[in-house]
N, C-alpha and C. Protein backbone atom coordinates (compact mmCIF):
# COMPACT_ATOMS: atom_id res chain seq x y z
N MET A 1 20.59 -47.17 28.03
CA MET A 1 20.51 -46.53 26.73
C MET A 1 19.06 -46.18 26.41
N PHE A 2 18.17 -47.18 26.41
CA PHE A 2 16.78 -46.92 26.06
C PHE A 2 16.03 -46.24 27.19
N GLY A 3 16.50 -46.44 28.44
CA GLY A 3 15.84 -45.83 29.58
C GLY A 3 15.89 -44.32 29.55
N SER A 4 17.00 -43.75 29.05
CA SER A 4 17.12 -42.30 29.00
C SER A 4 16.40 -41.72 27.78
N ILE A 5 16.22 -42.51 26.74
CA ILE A 5 15.55 -42.03 25.53
C ILE A 5 14.04 -42.14 25.66
N ALA A 6 13.58 -43.31 26.12
CA ALA A 6 12.16 -43.58 26.18
C ALA A 6 11.68 -43.46 27.63
N ILE A 7 10.63 -42.70 27.82
CA ILE A 7 10.16 -42.40 29.17
C ILE A 7 9.17 -43.45 29.68
N ASP A 8 8.24 -43.87 28.86
CA ASP A 8 7.23 -44.83 29.32
C ASP A 8 7.38 -46.17 28.60
N ALA A 9 6.60 -47.13 29.04
CA ALA A 9 6.72 -48.50 28.51
C ALA A 9 6.42 -48.55 27.01
N THR A 10 5.46 -47.79 26.55
CA THR A 10 5.09 -47.81 25.13
C THR A 10 6.23 -47.30 24.27
N SER A 11 6.85 -46.19 24.67
CA SER A 11 7.95 -45.65 23.86
C SER A 11 9.20 -46.54 23.96
N ARG A 12 9.40 -47.19 25.10
CA ARG A 12 10.53 -48.13 25.22
C ARG A 12 10.32 -49.32 24.29
N ARG A 13 9.09 -49.84 24.29
CA ARG A 13 8.78 -50.96 23.41
C ARG A 13 9.02 -50.57 21.96
N ALA A 14 8.58 -49.39 21.58
CA ALA A 14 8.77 -48.91 20.21
C ALA A 14 10.26 -48.74 19.89
N ALA A 15 11.05 -48.24 20.86
CA ALA A 15 12.48 -48.05 20.64
C ALA A 15 13.18 -49.41 20.44
N PHE A 16 12.82 -50.40 21.24
CA PHE A 16 13.41 -51.73 21.06
C PHE A 16 13.02 -52.33 19.72
N ARG A 17 11.78 -52.16 19.34
CA ARG A 17 11.33 -52.70 18.05
C ARG A 17 12.05 -52.01 16.89
N ARG A 18 12.24 -50.69 17.01
CA ARG A 18 13.00 -49.97 15.97
C ARG A 18 14.42 -50.51 15.87
N TRP A 19 15.06 -50.71 17.05
CA TRP A 19 16.42 -51.22 17.05
C TRP A 19 16.46 -52.61 16.43
N ALA A 20 15.51 -53.46 16.78
CA ALA A 20 15.48 -54.82 16.24
C ALA A 20 15.32 -54.80 14.72
N THR A 21 14.48 -53.92 14.23
CA THR A 21 14.29 -53.80 12.78
C THR A 21 15.58 -53.35 12.11
N LEU A 22 16.25 -52.36 12.70
CA LEU A 22 17.53 -51.89 12.14
C LEU A 22 18.59 -53.00 12.19
N ALA A 23 18.61 -53.75 13.29
CA ALA A 23 19.59 -54.83 13.42
C ALA A 23 19.37 -55.90 12.37
N GLU A 24 18.11 -56.19 12.07
CA GLU A 24 17.80 -57.21 11.06
C GLU A 24 18.19 -56.77 9.65
N THR A 25 18.16 -55.47 9.41
CA THR A 25 18.51 -54.98 8.07
C THR A 25 20.02 -54.98 7.83
N THR A 26 20.83 -55.12 8.88
CA THR A 26 22.28 -55.11 8.70
C THR A 26 22.78 -56.37 8.00
N GLY A 27 22.06 -57.48 8.18
CA GLY A 27 22.51 -58.74 7.60
C GLY A 27 23.49 -59.50 8.47
N SER A 28 23.88 -58.94 9.59
CA SER A 28 24.80 -59.59 10.51
C SER A 28 24.05 -60.69 11.27
N ARG A 29 24.59 -61.91 11.23
CA ARG A 29 23.91 -63.03 11.91
C ARG A 29 23.79 -62.78 13.40
N GLU A 30 24.83 -62.21 13.99
CA GLU A 30 24.82 -61.96 15.44
C GLU A 30 23.74 -60.94 15.82
N LEU A 31 23.65 -59.84 15.05
CA LEU A 31 22.64 -58.83 15.35
C LEU A 31 21.24 -59.35 15.08
N ILE A 32 21.08 -60.16 14.05
CA ILE A 32 19.77 -60.75 13.76
C ILE A 32 19.36 -61.68 14.89
N ALA A 33 20.30 -62.47 15.40
CA ALA A 33 20.00 -63.37 16.51
C ALA A 33 19.64 -62.57 17.76
N MET A 34 20.36 -61.47 18.01
CA MET A 34 20.05 -60.64 19.18
C MET A 34 18.69 -59.97 19.02
N ALA A 35 18.39 -59.51 17.83
CA ALA A 35 17.08 -58.88 17.58
C ALA A 35 15.96 -59.89 17.81
N LYS A 36 16.17 -61.12 17.39
CA LYS A 36 15.17 -62.18 17.61
C LYS A 36 14.97 -62.41 19.11
N THR A 37 16.06 -62.47 19.85
CA THR A 37 15.98 -62.68 21.30
C THR A 37 15.25 -61.52 21.96
N ILE A 38 15.57 -60.29 21.56
CA ILE A 38 14.90 -59.12 22.14
C ILE A 38 13.42 -59.15 21.84
N ARG A 39 13.06 -59.52 20.62
CA ARG A 39 11.63 -59.60 20.29
C ARG A 39 10.93 -60.65 21.14
N GLU A 40 11.59 -61.79 21.38
CA GLU A 40 10.98 -62.86 22.18
C GLU A 40 10.86 -62.47 23.64
N LYS A 41 11.84 -61.73 24.17
CA LYS A 41 11.89 -61.39 25.59
C LYS A 41 11.46 -59.96 25.89
N LEU A 42 10.86 -59.30 24.93
CA LEU A 42 10.55 -57.87 25.06
C LEU A 42 9.64 -57.58 26.25
N LYS A 43 8.65 -58.43 26.48
CA LYS A 43 7.74 -58.19 27.60
C LYS A 43 8.51 -58.16 28.93
N GLY A 44 9.40 -59.11 29.13
CA GLY A 44 10.20 -59.15 30.36
C GLY A 44 11.16 -57.98 30.47
N ILE A 45 11.73 -57.56 29.36
CA ILE A 45 12.66 -56.42 29.35
C ILE A 45 11.93 -55.14 29.77
N ILE A 46 10.76 -54.92 29.19
CA ILE A 46 9.97 -53.72 29.52
C ILE A 46 9.49 -53.79 30.97
N THR A 47 9.09 -54.97 31.43
CA THR A 47 8.64 -55.12 32.81
C THR A 47 9.76 -54.81 33.79
N TYR A 48 10.99 -55.19 33.44
CA TYR A 48 12.16 -54.90 34.29
C TYR A 48 12.26 -53.41 34.57
N TRP A 49 12.07 -52.58 33.55
CA TRP A 49 12.15 -51.14 33.75
C TRP A 49 10.89 -50.58 34.40
N THR A 50 9.74 -51.13 34.05
CA THR A 50 8.48 -50.61 34.57
C THR A 50 8.40 -50.75 36.09
N PHE A 51 8.89 -51.88 36.62
CA PHE A 51 8.79 -52.13 38.05
C PHE A 51 10.12 -51.90 38.75
N ASP A 52 10.77 -50.80 38.43
CA ASP A 52 11.99 -50.35 39.10
C ASP A 52 13.07 -51.43 39.15
N ARG A 53 13.38 -51.98 38.00
CA ARG A 53 14.45 -52.96 37.83
C ARG A 53 14.27 -54.20 38.71
N LEU A 54 13.03 -54.65 38.82
CA LEU A 54 12.70 -55.84 39.59
C LEU A 54 13.12 -57.09 38.80
N SER A 55 13.81 -58.00 39.47
CA SER A 55 14.19 -59.25 38.82
C SER A 55 14.15 -60.38 39.84
N ASN A 56 14.36 -61.58 39.36
CA ASN A 56 14.36 -62.75 40.24
C ASN A 56 15.78 -63.24 40.51
N GLU A 57 16.74 -62.34 40.43
CA GLU A 57 18.14 -62.74 40.58
C GLU A 57 18.45 -63.31 41.95
N SER A 58 17.82 -62.80 43.00
CA SER A 58 18.10 -63.34 44.33
C SER A 58 17.55 -64.75 44.47
N THR A 59 16.38 -65.01 43.89
CA THR A 59 15.82 -66.36 43.92
C THR A 59 16.70 -67.32 43.13
N GLU A 60 17.14 -66.89 41.95
CA GLU A 60 18.03 -67.73 41.14
C GLU A 60 19.33 -68.02 41.88
N GLY A 61 19.88 -67.00 42.53
CA GLY A 61 21.11 -67.19 43.28
C GLY A 61 20.94 -68.16 44.43
N PHE A 62 19.82 -68.07 45.13
CA PHE A 62 19.56 -68.97 46.24
C PHE A 62 19.38 -70.40 45.73
N ASN A 63 18.68 -70.57 44.61
CA ASN A 63 18.53 -71.91 44.02
C ASN A 63 19.88 -72.49 43.63
N ASN A 64 20.78 -71.65 43.12
CA ASN A 64 22.12 -72.12 42.77
C ASN A 64 22.88 -72.56 44.01
N LYS A 65 22.71 -71.81 45.12
CA LYS A 65 23.36 -72.21 46.37
C LYS A 65 22.83 -73.56 46.86
N ILE A 66 21.52 -73.79 46.72
CA ILE A 66 20.96 -75.08 47.12
C ILE A 66 21.53 -76.20 46.27
N ARG A 67 21.63 -75.97 44.96
CA ARG A 67 22.22 -76.99 44.07
C ARG A 67 23.67 -77.26 44.45
N TRP A 68 24.41 -76.18 44.76
CA TRP A 68 25.81 -76.34 45.19
C TRP A 68 25.88 -77.17 46.46
N LEU A 69 25.00 -76.86 47.42
CA LEU A 69 24.99 -77.60 48.68
C LEU A 69 24.66 -79.08 48.45
N MET A 70 23.72 -79.35 47.56
CA MET A 70 23.36 -80.74 47.29
C MET A 70 24.51 -81.50 46.63
N ARG A 71 25.28 -80.80 45.79
CA ARG A 71 26.47 -81.45 45.21
C ARG A 71 27.50 -81.74 46.29
N GLN A 72 27.67 -80.80 47.22
CA GLN A 72 28.62 -80.99 48.31
C GLN A 72 28.19 -82.13 49.24
N ALA A 73 26.88 -82.32 49.39
CA ALA A 73 26.35 -83.31 50.33
C ALA A 73 26.04 -84.64 49.66
N TYR A 74 26.53 -84.86 48.45
CA TYR A 74 26.21 -86.10 47.74
C TYR A 74 26.64 -87.31 48.57
N GLY A 75 25.72 -88.25 48.76
CA GLY A 75 26.02 -89.45 49.52
C GLY A 75 25.50 -89.41 50.93
N PHE A 76 25.21 -88.22 51.45
CA PHE A 76 24.65 -88.14 52.79
C PHE A 76 23.16 -88.47 52.74
N ARG A 77 22.65 -89.12 53.75
CA ARG A 77 21.25 -89.52 53.76
C ARG A 77 20.43 -88.80 54.82
N ASP A 78 21.02 -87.89 55.53
CA ASP A 78 20.33 -87.19 56.59
C ASP A 78 19.65 -85.94 56.02
N TYR A 79 18.37 -86.05 55.65
CA TYR A 79 17.66 -84.95 55.02
C TYR A 79 17.37 -83.82 56.01
N PHE A 80 17.23 -84.13 57.28
CA PHE A 80 17.03 -83.10 58.29
C PHE A 80 18.25 -82.18 58.34
N TYR A 81 19.45 -82.75 58.28
CA TYR A 81 20.68 -81.96 58.28
C TYR A 81 20.76 -81.11 57.02
N LEU A 82 20.37 -81.68 55.88
CA LEU A 82 20.36 -80.92 54.63
C LEU A 82 19.41 -79.73 54.75
N LYS A 83 18.25 -79.95 55.34
CA LYS A 83 17.29 -78.86 55.52
C LYS A 83 17.87 -77.76 56.42
N LEU A 84 18.55 -78.16 57.48
CA LEU A 84 19.20 -77.17 58.35
C LEU A 84 20.27 -76.38 57.58
N LYS A 85 21.04 -77.07 56.74
CA LYS A 85 22.07 -76.38 55.95
C LYS A 85 21.44 -75.42 54.95
N ILE A 86 20.28 -75.77 54.41
CA ILE A 86 19.59 -74.87 53.47
C ILE A 86 19.19 -73.59 54.19
N PHE A 87 18.69 -73.71 55.42
CA PHE A 87 18.33 -72.51 56.19
C PHE A 87 19.56 -71.68 56.54
N GLN A 88 20.73 -72.31 56.60
CA GLN A 88 21.97 -71.60 56.91
C GLN A 88 22.56 -70.93 55.67
N LEU A 89 22.12 -71.30 54.49
CA LEU A 89 22.71 -70.82 53.24
C LEU A 89 22.79 -69.30 53.10
N PRO A 90 21.79 -68.52 53.49
CA PRO A 90 21.92 -67.07 53.28
C PRO A 90 23.16 -66.47 53.94
N SER A 91 23.63 -67.07 55.02
CA SER A 91 24.82 -66.52 55.69
C SER A 91 26.09 -67.27 55.32
N LEU A 92 25.98 -68.27 54.45
CA LEU A 92 27.13 -69.11 54.09
C LEU A 92 27.78 -68.60 52.82
N ARG A 93 29.11 -68.51 52.82
CA ARG A 93 29.84 -68.12 51.61
C ARG A 93 30.10 -69.37 50.79
N THR A 94 29.80 -69.32 49.51
CA THR A 94 29.98 -70.49 48.65
C THR A 94 31.18 -70.35 47.72
N GLN A 95 31.91 -69.25 47.83
CA GLN A 95 33.08 -69.04 46.97
C GLN A 95 34.35 -69.17 47.79
N LYS A 96 35.37 -69.70 47.14
CA LYS A 96 36.66 -69.77 47.79
C LYS A 96 37.34 -68.42 47.69
N GLU A 97 38.06 -68.08 48.74
CA GLU A 97 38.81 -66.82 48.70
C GLU A 97 40.15 -67.07 48.01
N LEU A 98 40.54 -66.13 47.20
CA LEU A 98 41.80 -66.26 46.46
C LEU A 98 42.97 -65.77 47.27
């Protein structure tokens, strides 16, 4: 929505701030809470667009896989094996097939 309206980071920032101001004037608790969140996270939101939609989603996903593996391996004491399983994680499916 804002990407097609605002071309550069400055105009995007201004568009988000305008939206947040309008949302706060509605009196809706949900919109006010969202406007507050947008104001707090605005730098990250603008950076996401500035650097071609760069995010840390792959790192977060890999960390979640490690946590999943550690839950699966609870009680095992072989840390070398756990390390090997962590290196295997990128090719390992962690979801059950339906």
